[in-house]
Amino acid sequence: MAGWDQYVTNLTSQGITHAGIFGADGSRWAASATFPNIDNLKEELPRAFSTQPAGILVNNEKYIFIRNQDNFAVFRKAADGMVIVKLNQAYIVSIGVNQKPEMLVAATSKIGEYLKNCGY
């Protein structure tokens, strides 16, 4: 789905280290070239929005749950942050090395809101 690459490029051009868009079934729609492996992606994405999410393993390193709101969940591992934005049919995942989650939330939520308004 080459059309999705523009959204990933937009996120990485804002300083986000890794960005990806994944279908609700866990399929990869687009991702930055160095996007890391997320163990059990299909199960982990919806679990991030449960009432008591645990952490998420990224390249076998655990990101700890910080908070979730209506359409986004925030995770952290030392100085690195991760944000997952839930759309109607997909998820956007942004990971920032040495980046505060607030920056990730702002950039990722903006694109997520646009795509959600387009029906995704």
PDB file of N, CA and C in Angstrom:
ATOM      1  N   MET A   1       0.828  -1.179   0.000  1.00  0.00           N
ATOM      2  CA  MET A   1       0.000   0.000   0.000  1.00  0.00           C
ATOM      3  C   MET A   1       0.876   1.248   0.000  1.00  0.00           C
ATOM      4  N   ALA A   2       1.458   1.532  -1.138  1.00  0.00           N
ATOM      5  CA  ALA A   2       2.428   2.605  -1.266  1.00  0.00           C
ATOM      6  C   ALA A   2       1.866   3.965  -0.869  1.00  0.00           C
ATOM      7  N   GLY A   3       0.564   4.201  -1.022  1.00  0.00           N
ATOM      8  CA  GLY A   3      -0.024   5.482  -0.655  1.00  0.00           C
ATOM      9  C   GLY A   3       0.137   5.826   0.812  1.00  0.00           C
ATOM     10  N   TRP A   4       0.318   4.843   1.650  1.00  0.00           N
ATOM     11  CA  TRP A   4       0.463   5.065   3.092  1.00  0.00           C
ATOM     12  C   TRP A   4       1.855   5.569   3.455  1.00  0.00           C
ATOM     13  N   ASP A   5       2.809   5.357   2.581  1.00  0.00           N
ATOM     14  CA  ASP A   5       4.188   5.765   2.870  1.00  0.00           C
ATOM     15  C   ASP A   5       4.312   7.258   3.151  1.00  0.00           C
ATOM     16  N   GLN A   6       3.479   8.081   2.510  1.00  0.00           N
ATOM     17  CA  GLN A   6       3.573   9.526   2.712  1.00  0.00           C
ATOM     18  C   GLN A   6       3.306   9.908   4.168  1.00  0.00           C
ATOM     19  N   TYR A   7       2.438   9.174   4.838  1.00  0.00           N
ATOM     20  CA  TYR A   7       2.131   9.480   6.232  1.00  0.00           C
ATOM     21  C   TYR A   7       3.287   9.069   7.147  1.00  0.00           C
ATOM     22  N   VAL A   8       3.906   7.944   6.834  1.00  0.00           N
ATOM     23  CA  VAL A   8       5.082   7.505   7.591  1.00  0.00           C
ATOM     24  C   VAL A   8       6.214   8.507   7.392  1.00  0.00           C
ATOM     25  N   THR A   9       6.433   8.933   6.159  1.00  0.00           N
ATOM     26  CA  THR A   9       7.477   9.918   5.864  1.00  0.00           C
ATOM     27  C   THR A   9       7.203  11.223   6.599  1.00  0.00           C
ATOM     28  N   ASN A  10       5.947  11.635   6.651  1.00  0.00           N
ATOM     29  CA  ASN A  10       5.589  12.851   7.371  1.00  0.00           C
ATOM     30  C   ASN A  10       6.003  12.742   8.840  1.00  0.00           C
ATOM     31  N   LEU A  11       5.733  11.609   9.455  1.00  0.00           N
ATOM     32  CA  LEU A  11       6.087  11.422  10.868  1.00  0.00           C
ATOM     33  C   LEU A  11       7.597  11.402  11.066  1.00  0.00           C
ATOM     34  N   THR A  12       8.311  10.664  10.246  1.00  0.00           N
ATOM     35  CA  THR A  12       9.763  10.593  10.427  1.00  0.00           C
ATOM     36  C   THR A  12      10.434  11.929  10.106  1.00  0.00           C
ATOM     37  N   SER A  13       9.836  12.719   9.219  1.00  0.00           N
ATOM     38  CA  SER A  13      10.403  14.038   8.918  1.00  0.00           C
ATOM     39  C   SER A  13      10.231  15.003  10.090  1.00  0.00           C
ATOM     40  N   GLN A  14       9.346  14.665  11.017  1.00  0.00           N
ATOM     41  CA  GLN A  14       9.154  15.480  12.219  1.00  0.00           C
ATOM     42  C   GLN A  14      10.070  15.032  13.362  1.00  0.00           C
ATOM     43  N   GLY A  15      10.977  14.108  13.070  1.00  0.00           N
ATOM     44  CA  GLY A  15      11.939  13.668  14.068  1.00  0.00           C
ATOM     45  C   GLY A  15      11.593  12.370  14.760  1.00  0.00           C
ATOM     46  N   ILE A  16      10.469  11.765  14.398  1.00  0.00           N
ATOM     47  CA  ILE A  16      10.113  10.468  14.983  1.00  0.00           C
ATOM     48  C   ILE A  16      11.036   9.410  14.391  1.00  0.00           C
ATOM     49  N   THR A  17      11.616   8.582  15.230  1.00  0.00           N
ATOM     50  CA  THR A  17      12.621   7.612  14.799  1.00  0.00           C
ATOM     51  C   THR A  17      12.027   6.510  13.938  1.00  0.00           C
ATOM     52  N   HIS A  18      10.928   5.920  14.384  1.00  0.00           N
ATOM     53  CA  HIS A  18      10.269   4.822  13.663  1.00  0.00           C
ATOM     54  C   HIS A  18       8.770   5.101  13.621  1.00  0.00           C
ATOM     55  N   ALA A  19       8.149   4.861  12.474  1.00  0.00           N
ATOM     56  CA  ALA A  19       6.702   5.040  12.360  1.00  0.00           C
ATOM     57  C   ALA A  19       6.143   3.944  11.471  1.00  0.00           C
ATOM     58  N   GLY A  20       4.937   3.500  11.793  1.00  0.00           N
ATOM     59  CA  GLY A  20       4.287   2.482  10.987  1.00  0.00           C
ATOM     60  C   GLY A  20       2.777   2.584  11.081  1.00  0.00           C
ATOM     61  N   ILE A  21       2.125   2.139  10.020  1.00  0.00           N
ATOM     62  CA  ILE A  21       0.668   2.071   9.990  1.00  0.00           C
ATOM     63  C   ILE A  21       0.300   0.614   9.764  1.00  0.00           C
ATOM     64  N   PHE A  22      -0.561   0.097  10.633  1.00  0.00           N
ATOM     65  CA  PHE A  22      -0.915  -1.312  10.617  1.00  0.00           C
ATOM     66  C   PHE A  22      -2.428  -1.469  10.618  1.00  0.00           C
ATOM     67  N   GLY A  23      -2.914  -2.423   9.841  1.00  0.00           N
ATOM     68  CA  GLY A  23      -4.334  -2.719   9.826  1.00  0.00           C
ATOM     69  C   GLY A  23      -4.762  -3.316  11.155  1.00  0.00           C
ATOM     70  N   ALA A  24      -6.069  -3.328  11.392  1.00  0.00           N
ATOM     71  CA  ALA A  24      -6.599  -3.899  12.631  1.00  0.00           C
ATOM     72  C   ALA A  24      -6.240  -5.375  12.771  1.00  0.00           C
ATOM     73  N   ASP A  25      -5.947  -6.034  11.647  1.00  0.00           N
ATOM     74  CA  ASP A  25      -5.542  -7.442  11.666  1.00  0.00           C
ATOM     75  C   ASP A  25      -4.040  -7.613  11.876  1.00  0.00           C
ATOM     76  N   GLY A  26      -3.325  -6.503  12.104  1.00  0.00           N
ATOM     77  CA  GLY A  26      -1.887  -6.558  12.330  1.00  0.00           C
ATOM     78  C   GLY A  26      -1.055  -6.486  11.061  1.00  0.00           C
ATOM     79  N   SER A  27      -1.698  -6.415   9.897  1.00  0.00           N
ATOM     80  CA  SER A  27      -0.942  -6.347   8.643  1.00  0.00           C
ATOM     81  C   SER A  27      -0.255  -4.990   8.508  1.00  0.00           C
ATOM     82  N   ARG A  28       0.922  -5.006   7.935  1.00  0.00           N
ATOM     83  CA  ARG A  28       1.708  -3.784   7.759  1.00  0.00           C
ATOM     84  C   ARG A  28       1.228  -3.066   6.508  1.00  0.00           C
ATOM     85  N   TRP A  29       0.731  -1.846   6.670  1.00  0.00           N
ATOM     86  CA  TRP A  29       0.318  -1.037   5.527  1.00  0.00           C
ATOM     87  C   TRP A  29       1.497  -0.207   5.041  1.00  0.00           C
ATOM     88  N   ALA A  30       2.290   0.301   5.979  1.00  0.00           N
ATOM     89  CA  ALA A  30       3.496   1.071   5.656  1.00  0.00           C
ATOM     90  C   ALA A  30       4.309   1.201   6.931  1.00  0.00           C
ATOM     91  N   ALA A  31       5.615   1.279   6.792  1.00  0.00           N
ATOM     92  CA  ALA A  31       6.472   1.463   7.965  1.00  0.00           C
ATOM     93  C   ALA A  31       7.824   2.001   7.504  1.00  0.00           C
ATOM     94  N   SER A  32       8.467   2.727   8.400  1.00  0.00           N
ATOM     95  CA  SER A  32       9.802   3.216   8.102  1.00  0.00           C
ATOM     96  C   SER A  32      10.731   2.016   7.912  1.00  0.00           C
ATOM     97  N   ALA A  33      11.798   2.236   7.179  1.00  0.00           N
ATOM     98  CA  ALA A  33      12.695   1.133   6.798  1.00  0.00           C
ATOM     99  C   ALA A  33      13.255   0.378   7.997  1.00  0.00           C
ATOM    100  N   THR A  34      13.468   1.059   9.099  1.00  0.00           N
ATOM    101  CA  THR A  34      14.072   0.414  10.266  1.00  0.00           C
ATOM    102  C   THR A  34      13.060   0.148  11.376  1.00  0.00           C
ATOM    103  N   PHE A  35      11.772   0.078  11.017  1.00  0.00           N
ATOM    104  CA  PHE A  35      10.756  -0.153  12.045  1.00  0.00           C
ATOM    105  C   PHE A  35      11.044  -1.477  12.749  1.00  0.00           C
ATOM    106  N   PRO A  36      11.098  -1.457  14.089  1.00  0.00           N
ATOM    107  CA  PRO A  36      11.451  -2.674  14.830  1.00  0.00           C
ATOM    108  C   PRO A  36      10.311  -3.691  14.878  1.00  0.00           C
ATOM    109  N   ASN A  37      10.652  -4.880  15.289  1.00  0.00           N
ATOM    110  CA  ASN A  37       9.668  -5.951  15.442  1.00  0.00           C
ATOM    111  C   ASN A  37       8.890  -5.755  16.733  1.00  0.00           C
ATOM    112  N   ILE A  38       7.569  -5.834  16.637  1.00  0.00           N
ATOM    113  CA  ILE A  38       6.716  -5.813  17.827  1.00  0.00           C
ATOM    114  C   ILE A  38       6.142  -7.206  17.976  1.00  0.00           C
ATOM    115  N   ASP A  39       6.519  -7.878  19.060  1.00  0.00           N
ATOM    116  CA  ASP A  39       6.057  -9.236  19.301  1.00  0.00           C
ATOM    117  C   ASP A  39       4.535  -9.269  19.399  1.00  0.00           C
ATOM    118  N   ASN A  40       3.909 -10.233  18.738  1.00  0.00           N
ATOM    119  CA  ASN A  40       2.453 -10.427  18.801  1.00  0.00           C
ATOM    120  C   ASN A  40       1.680  -9.157  18.458  1.00  0.00           C
ATOM    121  N   LEU A  41       2.091  -8.506  17.389  1.00  0.00           N
ATOM    122  CA  LEU A  41       1.517  -7.214  17.002  1.00  0.00           C
ATOM    123  C   LEU A  41      -0.005  -7.232  16.946  1.00  0.00           C
ATOM    124  N   LYS A  42      -0.576  -8.245  16.326  1.00  0.00           N
ATOM    125  CA  LYS A  42      -2.029  -8.312  16.157  1.00  0.00           C
ATOM    126  C   LYS A  42      -2.747  -8.268  17.507  1.00  0.00           C
ATOM    127  N   GLU A  43      -2.216  -8.937  18.512  1.00  0.00           N
ATOM    128  CA  GLU A  43      -2.834  -8.963  19.833  1.00  0.00           C
ATOM    129  C   GLU A  43      -2.492  -7.716  20.639  1.00  0.00           C
ATOM    130  N   GLU A  44      -1.281  -7.196  20.478  1.00  0.00           N
ATOM    131  CA  GLU A  44      -0.820  -6.078  21.302  1.00  0.00           C
ATOM    132  C   GLU A  44      -1.507  -4.755  20.965  1.00  0.00           C
ATOM    133  N   LEU A  45      -1.803  -4.511  19.693  1.00  0.00           N
ATOM    134  CA  LEU A  45      -2.385  -3.217  19.329  1.00  0.00           C
ATOM    135  C   LEU A  45      -3.715  -2.967  20.023  1.00  0.00           C
ATOM    136  N   PRO A  46      -4.702  -3.856  19.929  1.00  0.00           N
ATOM    137  CA  PRO A  46      -5.956  -3.584  20.652  1.00  0.00           C
ATOM    138  C   PRO A  46      -5.788  -3.651  22.172  1.00  0.00           C
ATOM    139  N   ARG A  47      -4.868  -4.467  22.652  1.00  0.00           N
ATOM    140  CA  ARG A  47      -4.642  -4.594  24.099  1.00  0.00           C
ATOM    141  C   ARG A  47      -4.150  -3.275  24.698  1.00  0.00           C
ATOM    142  N   ALA A  48      -3.483  -2.456  23.891  1.00  0.00           N
ATOM    143  CA  ALA A  48      -2.979  -1.170  24.378  1.00  0.00           C
ATOM    144  C   ALA A  48      -4.114  -0.263  24.852  1.00  0.00           C
ATOM    145  N   PHE A  49      -5.332  -0.547  24.406  1.00  0.00           N
ATOM    146  CA  PHE A  49      -6.481   0.287  24.761  1.00  0.00           C
ATOM    147  C   PHE A  49      -7.404  -0.391  25.767  1.00  0.00           C
ATOM    148  N   SER A  50      -6.953  -1.484  26.358  1.00  0.00           N
ATOM    149  CA  SER A  50      -7.746  -2.155  27.387  1.00  0.00           C
ATOM    150  C   SER A  50      -7.661  -1.364  28.692  1.00  0.00           C
ATOM    151  N   THR A  51      -8.425  -1.775  29.680  1.00  0.00           N
ATOM    152  CA  THR A  51      -8.440  -1.044  30.942  1.00  0.00           C
ATOM    153  C   THR A  51      -7.149  -1.221  31.741  1.00  0.00           C
ATOM    154  N   GLN A  52      -6.467  -2.323  31.579  1.00  0.00           N
ATOM    155  CA  GLN A  52      -5.226  -2.574  32.304  1.00  0.00           C
ATOM    156  C   GLN A  52      -4.146  -3.118  31.363  1.00  0.00           C
ATOM    157  N   PRO A  53      -3.683  -2.318  30.408  1.00  0.00           N
ATOM    158  CA  PRO A  53      -2.666  -2.840  29.499  1.00  0.00           C
ATOM    159  C   PRO A  53      -1.340  -3.067  30.217  1.00  0.00           C
ATOM    160  N   ALA A  54      -0.645  -4.077  29.803  1.00  0.00           N
ATOM    161  CA  ALA A  54       0.703  -4.310  30.313  1.00  0.00           C
ATOM    162  C   ALA A  54       1.647  -3.552  29.387  1.00  0.00           C
ATOM    163  N   GLY A  55       2.870  -3.915  29.358  1.00  0.00           N
ATOM    164  CA  GLY A  55       3.798  -3.297  28.424  1.00  0.00           C
ATOM    165  C   GLY A  55       3.735  -3.997  27.079  1.00  0.00           C
ATOM    166  N   ILE A  56       4.525  -3.491  26.145  1.00  0.00           N
ATOM    167  CA  ILE A  56       4.618  -4.075  24.813  1.00  0.00           C
ATOM    168  C   ILE A  56       6.087  -4.368  24.538  1.00  0.00           C
ATOM    169  N   LEU A  57       6.359  -5.560  24.001  1.00  0.00           N
ATOM    170  CA  LEU A  57       7.727  -5.919  23.661  1.00  0.00           C
ATOM    171  C   LEU A  57       8.059  -5.446  22.250  1.00  0.00           C
ATOM    172  N   VAL A  58       9.107  -4.644  22.162  1.00  0.00           N
ATOM    173  CA  VAL A  58       9.624  -4.151  20.886  1.00  0.00           C
ATOM    174  C   VAL A  58      11.065  -4.617  20.806  1.00  0.00           C
ATOM    175  N   ASN A  59      11.360  -5.449  19.799  1.00  0.00           N
ATOM    176  CA  ASN A  59      12.694  -6.059  19.695  1.00  0.00           C
ATOM    177  C   ASN A  59      13.112  -6.690  21.026  1.00  0.00           C
ATOM    178  N   ASN A  60      12.172  -7.373  21.661  1.00  0.00           N
ATOM    179  CA  ASN A  60      12.383  -8.071  22.932  1.00  0.00           C
ATOM    180  C   ASN A  60      12.728  -7.146  24.102  1.00  0.00           C
ATOM    181  N   GLU A  61      12.432  -5.859  23.971  1.00  0.00           N
ATOM    182  CA  GLU A  61      12.615  -4.920  25.072  1.00  0.00           C
ATOM    183  C   GLU A  61      11.248  -4.361  25.443  1.00  0.00           C
ATOM    184  N   LYS A  62      10.944  -4.369  26.742  1.00  0.00           N
ATOM    185  CA  LYS A  62       9.603  -3.994  27.182  1.00  0.00           C
ATOM    186  C   LYS A  62       9.446  -2.479  27.318  1.00  0.00           C
ATOM    187  N   TYR A  63       8.416  -1.977  26.651  1.00  0.00           N
ATOM    188  CA  TYR A  63       7.966  -0.601  26.822  1.00  0.00           C
ATOM    189  C   TYR A  63       6.841  -0.646  27.847  1.00  0.00           C
ATOM    190  N   ILE A  64       6.947   0.164  28.878  1.00  0.00           N
ATOM    191  CA  ILE A  64       5.999   0.179  29.982  1.00  0.00           C
ATOM    192  C   ILE A  64       4.830   1.108  29.652  1.00  0.00           C
ATOM    193  N   PHE A  65       3.635   0.652  29.956  1.00  0.00           N
ATOM    194  CA  PHE A  65       2.434   1.462  29.755  1.00  0.00           C
ATOM    195  C   PHE A  65       2.457   2.677  30.676  1.00  0.00           C
ATOM    196  N   ILE A  66       2.161   3.858  30.109  1.00  0.00           N
ATOM    197  CA  ILE A  66       2.070   5.093  30.893  1.00  0.00           C
ATOM    198  C   ILE A  66       0.616   5.520  31.034  1.00  0.00           C
ATOM    199  N   ARG A  67      -0.081   5.686  29.902  1.00  0.00           N
ATOM    200  CA  ARG A  67      -1.487   6.096  29.956  1.00  0.00           C
ATOM    201  C   ARG A  67      -2.142   5.851  28.598  1.00  0.00           C
ATOM    202  N   ASN A  68      -3.472   5.802  28.610  1.00  0.00           N
ATOM    203  CA  ASN A  68      -4.205   5.806  27.352  1.00  0.00           C
ATOM    204  C   ASN A  68      -5.400   6.730  27.495  1.00  0.00           C
ATOM    205  N   GLN A  69      -5.794   7.281  26.374  1.00  0.00           N
ATOM    206  CA  GLN A  69      -6.972   8.123  26.313  1.00  0.00           C
ATOM    207  C   GLN A  69      -7.833   7.600  25.189  1.00  0.00           C
ATOM    208  N   ASP A  70      -8.783   8.386  24.762  1.00  0.00           N
ATOM    209  CA  ASP A  70      -9.747   7.913  23.776  1.00  0.00           C
ATOM    210  C   ASP A  70      -9.129   7.179  22.595  1.00  0.00           C
ATOM    211  N   ASN A  71      -8.168   7.799  21.939  1.00  0.00           N
ATOM    212  CA  ASN A  71      -7.651   7.187  20.723  1.00  0.00           C
ATOM    213  C   ASN A  71      -6.140   6.994  20.720  1.00  0.00           C
ATOM    214  N   PHE A  72      -5.452   7.209  21.842  1.00  0.00           N
ATOM    215  CA  PHE A  72      -4.015   6.952  21.854  1.00  0.00           C
ATOM    216  C   PHE A  72      -3.555   6.354  23.180  1.00  0.00           C
ATOM    217  N   ALA A  73      -2.471   5.597  23.086  1.00  0.00           N
ATOM    218  CA  ALA A  73      -1.844   4.994  24.258  1.00  0.00           C
ATOM    219  C   ALA A  73      -0.366   5.354  24.243  1.00  0.00           C
ATOM    220  N   VAL A  74       0.188   5.607  25.423  1.00  0.00           N
ATOM    221  CA  VAL A  74       1.575   6.049  25.556  1.00  0.00           C
ATOM    222  C   VAL A  74       2.359   5.012  26.351  1.00  0.00           C
ATOM    223  N   PHE A  75       3.558   4.688  25.850  1.00  0.00           N
ATOM    224  CA  PHE A  75       4.463   3.733  26.488  1.00  0.00           C
ATOM    225  C   PHE A  75       5.848   4.363  26.571  1.00  0.00           C
ATOM    226  N   ARG A  76       6.676   3.833  27.484  1.00  0.00           N
ATOM    227  CA  ARG A  76       8.022   4.385  27.656  1.00  0.00           C
ATOM    228  C   ARG A  76       9.001   3.276  28.028  1.00  0.00           C
ATOM    229  N   LYS A  77      10.240   3.429  27.538  1.00  0.00           N
ATOM    230  CA  LYS A  77      11.357   2.562  27.925  1.00  0.00           C
ATOM    231  C   LYS A  77      12.560   3.469  28.102  1.00  0.00           C
ATOM    232  N   ALA A  78      12.954   3.696  29.345  1.00  0.00           N
ATOM    233  CA  ALA A  78      14.049   4.623  29.669  1.00  0.00           C
ATOM    234  C   ALA A  78      13.761   5.970  28.993  1.00  0.00           C
ATOM    235  N   ALA A  79      14.637   6.449  28.120  1.00  0.00           N
ATOM    236  CA  ALA A  79      14.449   7.759  27.470  1.00  0.00           C
ATOM    237  C   ALA A  79      13.651   7.666  26.177  1.00  0.00           C
ATOM    238  N   ASP A  80      13.210   6.474  25.806  1.00  0.00           N
ATOM    239  CA  ASP A  80      12.477   6.275  24.555  1.00  0.00           C
ATOM    240  C   ASP A  80      10.979   6.254  24.804  1.00  0.00           C
ATOM    241  N   GLY A  81      10.227   6.773  23.848  1.00  0.00           N
ATOM    242  CA  GLY A  81       8.777   6.788  23.972  1.00  0.00           C
ATOM    243  C   GLY A  81       8.126   6.068  22.805  1.00  0.00           C
ATOM    244  N   MET A  82       6.896   5.624  23.012  1.00  0.00           N
ATOM    245  CA  MET A  82       6.107   4.998  21.949  1.00  0.00           C
ATOM    246  C   MET A  82       4.662   5.427  22.126  1.00  0.00           C
ATOM    247  N   VAL A  83       4.022   5.750  20.998  1.00  0.00           N
ATOM    248  CA  VAL A  83       2.618   6.131  20.990  1.00  0.00           C
ATOM    249  C   VAL A  83       1.900   5.274  19.961  1.00  0.00           C
ATOM    250  N   ILE A  84       0.738   4.784  20.336  1.00  0.00           N
ATOM    251  CA  ILE A  84      -0.123   4.041  19.412  1.00  0.00           C
ATOM    252  C   ILE A  84      -1.428   4.820  19.302  1.00  0.00           C
ATOM    253  N   VAL A  85      -1.780   5.190  18.076  1.00  0.00           N
ATOM    254  CA  VAL A  85      -3.029   5.896  17.826  1.00  0.00           C
ATOM    255  C   VAL A  85      -3.985   4.927  17.143  1.00  0.00           C
ATOM    256  N   LYS A  86      -5.183   4.840  17.686  1.00  0.00           N
ATOM    257  CA  LYS A  86      -6.201   3.933  17.166  1.00  0.00           C
ATOM    258  C   LYS A  86      -7.103   4.675  16.190  1.00  0.00           C
ATOM    259  N   LEU A  87      -7.220   4.141  14.989  1.00  0.00           N
ATOM    260  CA  LEU A  87      -8.126   4.678  13.982  1.00  0.00           C
ATOM    261  C   LEU A  87      -9.342   3.763  13.903  1.00  0.00           C
ATOM    262  N   ASN A  88     -10.202   3.974  12.936  1.00  0.00           N
ATOM    263  CA  ASN A  88     -11.355   3.089  12.750  1.00  0.00           C
ATOM    264  C   ASN A  88     -10.940   1.709  12.248  1.00  0.00           C
ATOM    265  N   GLN A  89      -9.992   1.670  11.303  1.00  0.00           N
ATOM    266  CA  GLN A  89      -9.591   0.419  10.663  1.00  0.00           C
ATOM    267  C   GLN A  89      -8.111   0.090  10.827  1.00  0.00           C
ATOM    268  N   ALA A  90      -7.383   0.925  11.540  1.00  0.00           N
ATOM    269  CA  ALA A  90      -5.928   0.747  11.587  1.00  0.00           C
ATOM    270  C   ALA A  90      -5.356   1.372  12.855  1.00  0.00           C
ATOM    271  N   TYR A  91      -4.046   1.225  13.001  1.00  0.00           N
ATOM    272  CA  TYR A  91      -3.296   1.821  14.099  1.00  0.00           C
ATOM    273  C   TYR A  91      -2.062   2.496  13.527  1.00  0.00           C
ATOM    274  N   ILE A  92      -1.678   3.616  14.124  1.00  0.00           N
ATOM    275  CA  ILE A  92      -0.402   4.253  13.805  1.00  0.00           C
ATOM    276  C   ILE A  92       0.490   4.061  15.017  1.00  0.00           C
ATOM    277  N   VAL A  93       1.712   3.594  14.786  1.00  0.00           N
ATOM    278  CA  VAL A  93       2.674   3.390  15.867  1.00  0.00           C
ATOM    279  C   VAL A  93       3.872   4.291  15.602  1.00  0.00           C
ATOM    280  N   SER A  94       4.208   5.125  16.585  1.00  0.00           N
ATOM    281  CA  SER A  94       5.386   5.988  16.494  1.00  0.00           C
ATOM    282  C   SER A  94       6.301   5.679  17.661  1.00  0.00           C
ATOM    283  N   ILE A  95       7.582   5.518  17.356  1.00  0.00           N
ATOM    284  CA  ILE A  95       8.588   5.242  18.383  1.00  0.00           C
ATOM    285  C   ILE A  95       9.673   6.299  18.256  1.00  0.00           C
ATOM    286  N   GLY A  96      10.002   6.907  19.381  1.00  0.00           N
ATOM    287  CA  GLY A  96      11.045   7.928  19.384  1.00  0.00           C
ATOM    288  C   GLY A  96      12.174   7.547  20.308  1.00  0.00           C
ATOM    289  N   VAL A  97      13.377   7.493  19.779  1.00  0.00           N
ATOM    290  CA  VAL A  97      14.561   7.226  20.591  1.00  0.00           C
ATOM    291  C   VAL A  97      14.991   8.551  21.200  1.00  0.00           C
ATOM    292  N   ASN A  98      15.124   8.572  22.516  1.00  0.00           N
ATOM    293  CA  ASN A  98      15.454   9.789  23.260  1.00  0.00           C
ATOM    294  C   ASN A  98      14.447  10.905  22.980  1.00  0.00           C
ATOM    295  N   GLN A  99      13.177  10.546  22.904  1.00  0.00           N
ATOM    296  CA  GLN A  99      12.131  11.535  22.654  1.00  0.00           C
ATOM    297  C   GLN A  99      11.022  11.390  23.683  1.00  0.00           C
ATOM    298  N   LYS A 100      10.540  12.510  24.149  1.00  0.00           N
ATOM    299  CA  LYS A 100       9.449  12.509  25.114  1.00  0.00           C
ATOM    300  C   LYS A 100       8.147  12.115  24.420  1.00  0.00           C
ATOM    301  N   PRO A 101       7.313  11.360  25.100  1.00  0.00           N
ATOM    302  CA  PRO A 101       6.051  10.933  24.494  1.00  0.00           C
ATOM    303  C   PRO A 101       5.148  12.079  24.049  1.00  0.00           C
ATOM    304  N   GLU A 102       5.243  13.239  24.708  1.00  0.00           N
ATOM    305  CA  GLU A 102       4.369  14.357  24.349  1.00  0.00           C
ATOM    306  C   GLU A 102       4.555  14.769  22.897  1.00  0.00           C
ATOM    307  N   MET A 103       5.797  14.803  22.425  1.00  0.00           N
ATOM    308  CA  MET A 103       6.067  15.151  21.034  1.00  0.00           C
ATOM    309  C   MET A 103       5.490  14.094  20.108  1.00  0.00           C
ATOM    310  N   LEU A 104       5.630  12.847  20.492  1.00  0.00           N
ATOM    311  CA  LEU A 104       5.091  11.757  19.681  1.00  0.00           C
ATOM    312  C   LEU A 104       3.574  11.823  19.614  1.00  0.00           C
ATOM    313  N   VAL A 105       2.946  12.118  20.747  1.00  0.00           N
ATOM    314  CA  VAL A 105       1.477  12.203  20.796  1.00  0.00           C
ATOM    315  C   VAL A 105       0.991  13.297  19.861  1.00  0.00           C
ATOM    316  N   ALA A 106       1.605  14.469  19.921  1.00  0.00           N
ATOM    317  CA  ALA A 106       1.157  15.599  19.107  1.00  0.00           C
ATOM    318  C   ALA A 106       1.235  15.278  17.619  1.00  0.00           C
ATOM    319  N   ALA A 107       2.376  14.793  17.166  1.00  0.00           N
ATOM    320  CA  ALA A 107       2.565  14.526  15.735  1.00  0.00           C
ATOM    321  C   ALA A 107       1.699  13.369  15.255  1.00  0.00           C
ATOM    322  N   THR A 108       1.672  12.285  16.015  1.00  0.00           N
ATOM    323  CA  THR A 108       0.953  11.087  15.595  1.00  0.00           C
ATOM    324  C   THR A 108      -0.559  11.296  15.659  1.00  0.00           C
ATOM    325  N   SER A 109      -1.030  11.992  16.683  1.00  0.00           N
ATOM    326  CA  SER A 109      -2.469  12.250  16.811  1.00  0.00           C
ATOM    327  C   SER A 109      -2.981  13.127  15.684  1.00  0.00           C
ATOM    328  N   LYS A 110      -2.165  14.065  15.238  1.00  0.00           N
ATOM    329  CA  LYS A 110      -2.592  14.955  14.155  1.00  0.00           C
ATOM    330  C   LYS A 110      -2.855  14.156  12.876  1.00  0.00           C
ATOM    331  N   ILE A 111      -1.929  13.283  12.515  1.00  0.00           N
ATOM    332  CA  ILE A 111      -2.125  12.445  11.323  1.00  0.00           C
ATOM    333  C   ILE A 111      -3.254  11.450  11.567  1.00  0.00           C
ATOM    334  N   GLY A 112      -3.320  10.909  12.774  1.00  0.00           N
ATOM    335  CA  GLY A 112      -4.385   9.974  13.102  1.00  0.00           C
ATOM    336  C   GLY A 112      -5.765  10.607  12.980  1.00  0.00           C
ATOM    337  N   GLU A 113      -5.897  11.823  13.444  1.00  0.00           N
ATOM    338  CA  GLU A 113      -7.181  12.522  13.346  1.00  0.00           C
ATOM    339  C   GLU A 113      -7.570  12.723  11.883  1.00  0.00           C
ATOM    340  N   TYR A 114      -6.602  13.112  11.067  1.00  0.00           N
ATOM    341  CA  TYR A 114      -6.888  13.306   9.642  1.00  0.00           C
ATOM    342  C   TYR A 114      -7.353  11.996   9.001  1.00  0.00           C
ATOM    343  N   LEU A 115      -6.611  10.905   9.234  1.00  0.00           N
ATOM    344  CA  LEU A 115      -6.968   9.619   8.627  1.00  0.00           C
ATOM    345  C   LEU A 115      -8.294   9.097   9.151  1.00  0.00           C
ATOM    346  N   LYS A 116      -8.555   9.311  10.426  1.00  0.00           N
ATOM    347  CA  LYS A 116      -9.828   8.856  11.004  1.00  0.00           C
ATOM    348  C   LYS A 116     -10.999   9.617  10.363  1.00  0.00           C
ATOM    349  N   ASN A 117     -10.810  10.910  10.139  1.00  0.00           N
ATOM    350  CA  ASN A 117     -11.852  11.712   9.480  1.00  0.00           C
ATOM    351  C   ASN A 117     -12.065  11.295   8.029  1.00  0.00           C
ATOM    352  N   CYS A 118     -11.038  10.678   7.443  1.00  0.00           N
ATOM    353  CA  CYS A 118     -11.165  10.156   6.067  1.00  0.00           C
ATOM    354  C   CYS A 118     -11.789   8.749   6.050  1.00  0.00           C
ATOM    355  N   GLY A 119     -12.130   8.228   7.221  1.00  0.00           N
ATOM    356  CA  GLY A 119     -12.796   6.940   7.297  1.00  0.00           C
ATOM    357  C   GLY A 119     -11.904   5.770   7.659  1.00  0.00           C
ATOM    358  N   TYR A 120     -10.624   6.027   7.857  1.00  0.00           N
ATOM    359  CA  TYR A 120      -9.713   4.947   8.223  1.00  0.00           C
ATOM    360  C   TYR A 120      -9.629   4.815   9.730  1.00  0.00           C
TER     361      TYR A 120
END
